[in-house]
């Protein structure tokens, strides 16, 4: 983001005081803040009905937790939301198969 907009995206984590968390949540719901980079701490006790986008950087959790994170996108059924997962290619099945094939070929050539 350009320097003048960098205050629109904030951090949100367990090290913050309850007062600061509430303040940042108020700023998010009022539109003063556009988004939060959060840890799992945001999921605990937070219920914001109109979060439009949830972006998950890496799959650092299990599928159940991932669906819970994605479930924070638009809890108001009258609105549309989107969840995006950014993951390394190593996590995809086709890449795992290709990697196993490369390793098998290497093993054959080194025998």
C-alpha atoms as a PDB file:
ATOM      1  CA  UNK A   1       0.000   0.000   0.000  1.00  0.00           C
ATOM      2  CA  UNK A   2       1.115   3.589  -0.522  1.00  0.00           C
ATOM      3  CA  UNK A   3       2.452   5.197   2.683  1.00  0.00           C
ATOM      4  CA  UNK A   4      -0.661   7.344   3.209  1.00  0.00           C
ATOM      5  CA  UNK A   5      -2.884   4.215   3.291  1.00  0.00           C
ATOM      6  CA  UNK A   6      -0.728   1.928   5.432  1.00  0.00           C
ATOM      7  CA  UNK A   7      -2.732   2.712   8.559  1.00  0.00           C
ATOM      8  CA  UNK A   8      -5.789   1.119   6.880  1.00  0.00           C
ATOM      9  CA  UNK A   9      -4.469  -2.425   7.428  1.00  0.00           C
ATOM     10  CA  UNK A  10      -3.607  -3.287  11.050  1.00  0.00           C
ATOM     11  CA  UNK A  11      -2.169  -6.150  13.065  1.00  0.00           C
ATOM     12  CA  UNK A  12      -4.367  -7.995  15.561  1.00  0.00           C
ATOM     13  CA  UNK A  13      -2.849 -10.555  17.947  1.00  0.00           C
ATOM     14  CA  UNK A  14      -2.951 -12.028  21.449  1.00  0.00           C
ATOM     15  CA  UNK A  15      -0.357  -9.588  22.800  1.00  0.00           C
ATOM     16  CA  UNK A  16      -2.816  -6.690  22.457  1.00  0.00           C
ATOM     17  CA  UNK A  17      -4.806  -5.519  25.457  1.00  0.00           C
ATOM     18  CA  UNK A  18      -8.562  -6.094  25.461  1.00  0.00           C
ATOM     19  CA  UNK A  19      -9.098  -2.341  25.141  1.00  0.00           C
ATOM     20  CA  UNK A  20      -6.849  -2.126  22.085  1.00  0.00           C
ATOM     21  CA  UNK A  21      -8.560  -5.163  20.508  1.00  0.00           C
ATOM     22  CA  UNK A  22     -11.986  -3.588  21.025  1.00  0.00           C
ATOM     23  CA  UNK A  23     -10.735  -0.294  19.590  1.00  0.00           C
ATOM     24  CA  UNK A  24      -9.350  -2.004  16.470  1.00  0.00           C
ATOM     25  CA  UNK A  25     -12.548  -4.006  16.039  1.00  0.00           C
ATOM     26  CA  UNK A  26     -14.591  -0.784  16.233  1.00  0.00           C
ATOM     27  CA  UNK A  27     -12.338   0.792  13.598  1.00  0.00           C
ATOM     28  CA  UNK A  28     -12.810  -2.256  11.357  1.00  0.00           C
ATOM     29  CA  UNK A  29     -16.592  -2.287  11.645  1.00  0.00           C
ATOM     30  CA  UNK A  30     -16.834   1.477  11.093  1.00  0.00           C
ATOM     31  CA  UNK A  31     -14.681   1.305   7.950  1.00  0.00           C
ATOM     32  CA  UNK A  32     -11.864   3.422   9.365  1.00  0.00           C
ATOM     33  CA  UNK A  33      -9.640   0.331   9.105  1.00  0.00           C
ATOM     34  CA  UNK A  34      -9.961  -1.711   5.904  1.00  0.00           C
ATOM     35  CA  UNK A  35      -8.532  -4.983   7.153  1.00  0.00           C
ATOM     36  CA  UNK A  36      -6.710  -6.833   9.888  1.00  0.00           C
ATOM     37  CA  UNK A  37      -3.739  -9.178   9.694  1.00  0.00           C
ATOM     38  CA  UNK A  38      -4.628 -11.545  12.485  1.00  0.00           C
ATOM     39  CA  UNK A  39      -3.577 -14.603  14.343  1.00  0.00           C
ATOM     40  CA  UNK A  40      -6.096 -17.187  15.463  1.00  0.00           C
ATOM     41  CA  UNK A  41      -6.846 -14.849  18.376  1.00  0.00           C
ATOM     42  CA  UNK A  42      -9.223 -12.902  16.129  1.00  0.00           C
ATOM     43  CA  UNK A  43     -11.424 -15.980  15.784  1.00  0.00           C
ATOM     44  CA  UNK A  44     -11.909 -16.258  19.531  1.00  0.00           C
ATOM     45  CA  UNK A  45     -14.917 -14.284  20.683  1.00  0.00           C
ATOM     46  CA  UNK A  46     -15.244 -12.147  17.557  1.00  0.00           C
ATOM     47  CA  UNK A  47     -18.430 -12.075  15.525  1.00  0.00           C
ATOM     48  CA  UNK A  48     -18.438  -9.523  12.727  1.00  0.00           C
ATOM     49  CA  UNK A  49     -21.260 -10.205  10.274  1.00  0.00           C
ATOM     50  CA  UNK A  50     -20.019  -8.302   7.240  1.00  0.00           C
ATOM     51  CA  UNK A  51     -16.376  -9.242   6.661  1.00  0.00           C
ATOM     52  CA  UNK A  52     -16.158  -9.388   2.856  1.00  0.00           C
ATOM     53  CA  UNK A  53     -12.817 -11.146   2.413  1.00  0.00           C
ATOM     54  CA  UNK A  54     -10.828 -13.649   4.411  1.00  0.00           C
ATOM     55  CA  UNK A  55      -7.291 -14.257   3.182  1.00  0.00           C
ATOM     56  CA  UNK A  56      -5.317 -17.159   4.625  1.00  0.00           C
ATOM     57  CA  UNK A  57      -1.551 -17.030   4.123  1.00  0.00           C
ATOM     58  CA  UNK A  58      -0.306 -20.627   4.029  1.00  0.00           C
ATOM     59  CA  UNK A  59      -2.186 -23.622   5.299  1.00  0.00           C
ATOM     60  CA  UNK A  60      -0.711 -23.548   8.790  1.00  0.00           C
ATOM     61  CA  UNK A  61      -3.659 -25.346  10.333  1.00  0.00           C
ATOM     62  CA  UNK A  62      -5.881 -28.347   9.717  1.00  0.00           C
ATOM     63  CA  UNK A  63      -8.838 -28.388   7.367  1.00  0.00           C
ATOM     64  CA  UNK A  64     -11.370 -27.875  10.174  1.00  0.00           C
ATOM     65  CA  UNK A  65      -9.604 -24.749  11.434  1.00  0.00           C
ATOM     66  CA  UNK A  66      -9.211 -23.517   7.863  1.00  0.00           C
ATOM     67  CA  UNK A  67     -12.973 -23.813   7.279  1.00  0.00           C
ATOM     68  CA  UNK A  68     -13.558 -21.952  10.539  1.00  0.00           C
ATOM     69  CA  UNK A  69     -11.290 -19.142   9.323  1.00  0.00           C
ATOM     70  CA  UNK A  70     -13.081 -19.042   5.974  1.00  0.00           C
ATOM     71  CA  UNK A  71     -16.393 -19.047   7.839  1.00  0.00           C
ATOM     72  CA  UNK A  72     -15.632 -15.557   9.120  1.00  0.00           C
ATOM     73  CA  UNK A  73     -16.377 -14.215   5.636  1.00  0.00           C
ATOM     74  CA  UNK A  74     -19.849 -12.689   5.624  1.00  0.00           C
ATOM     75  CA  UNK A  75     -21.873 -14.263   8.367  1.00  0.00           C
ATOM     76  CA  UNK A  76     -24.836 -12.230   7.124  1.00  0.00           C
ATOM     77  CA  UNK A  77     -26.478 -14.570   4.586  1.00  0.00           C
ATOM     78  CA  UNK A  78     -27.777 -11.580   2.642  1.00  0.00           C
ATOM     79  CA  UNK A  79     -24.232 -10.615   1.600  1.00  0.00           C
ATOM     80  CA  UNK A  80     -21.591 -12.310  -0.556  1.00  0.00           C
ATOM     81  CA  UNK A  81     -18.084 -12.995   0.678  1.00  0.00           C
ATOM     82  CA  UNK A  82     -14.881 -14.588  -0.506  1.00  0.00           C
ATOM     83  CA  UNK A  83     -12.114 -16.611   1.108  1.00  0.00           C
ATOM     84  CA  UNK A  84      -8.694 -16.897  -0.515  1.00  0.00           C
ATOM     85  CA  UNK A  85      -5.951 -19.363   0.401  1.00  0.00           C
ATOM     86  CA  UNK A  86      -2.351 -18.612  -0.577  1.00  0.00           C
ATOM     87  CA  UNK A  87      -0.385 -21.849  -0.342  1.00  0.00           C
ATOM     88  CA  UNK A  88       2.963 -23.118  -1.558  1.00  0.00           C
ATOM     89  CA  UNK A  89       2.741 -25.413  -4.548  1.00  0.00           C
ATOM     90  CA  UNK A  90       4.289 -28.150  -2.384  1.00  0.00           C
ATOM     91  CA  UNK A  91       0.924 -28.625  -0.665  1.00  0.00           C
ATOM     92  CA  UNK A  92      -0.987 -29.590  -3.811  1.00  0.00           C
ATOM     93  CA  UNK A  93      -1.450 -33.241  -4.717  1.00  0.00           C
ATOM     94  CA  UNK A  94      -0.250 -32.926  -8.326  1.00  0.00           C
ATOM     95  CA  UNK A  95       2.984 -31.345  -7.111  1.00  0.00           C
ATOM     96  CA  UNK A  96       3.466 -34.109  -4.526  1.00  0.00           C
ATOM     97  CA  UNK A  97       3.040 -36.739  -7.274  1.00  0.00           C
ATOM     98  CA  UNK A  98       5.460 -34.904  -9.583  1.00  0.00           C
ATOM     99  CA  UNK A  99       8.015 -34.583  -6.765  1.00  0.00           C
ATOM    100  CA  UNK A 100       7.767 -38.303  -5.967  1.00  0.00           C
ATOM    101  CA  UNK A 101       8.309 -39.106  -9.664  1.00  0.00           C
ATOM    102  CA  UNK A 102      11.389 -36.833  -9.802  1.00  0.00           C
ATOM    103  CA  UNK A 103      12.821 -38.479  -6.693  1.00  0.00           C
ATOM    104  CA  UNK A 104      12.206 -41.955  -8.154  1.00  0.00           C
ATOM    105  CA  UNK A 105      14.004 -40.976 -11.394  1.00  0.00           C
ATOM    106  CA  UNK A 106      16.948 -39.604  -9.395  1.00  0.00           C
ATOM    107  CA  UNK A 107      17.123 -42.790  -7.337  1.00  0.00           C
ATOM    108  CA  UNK A 108      17.221 -44.876 -10.538  1.00  0.00           C
ATOM    109  CA  UNK A 109      20.035 -42.816 -12.054  1.00  0.00           C
ATOM    110  CA  UNK A 110      22.150 -43.035  -8.883  1.00  0.00           C
ATOM    111  CA  UNK A 111      22.045 -46.843  -8.730  1.00  0.00           C
END
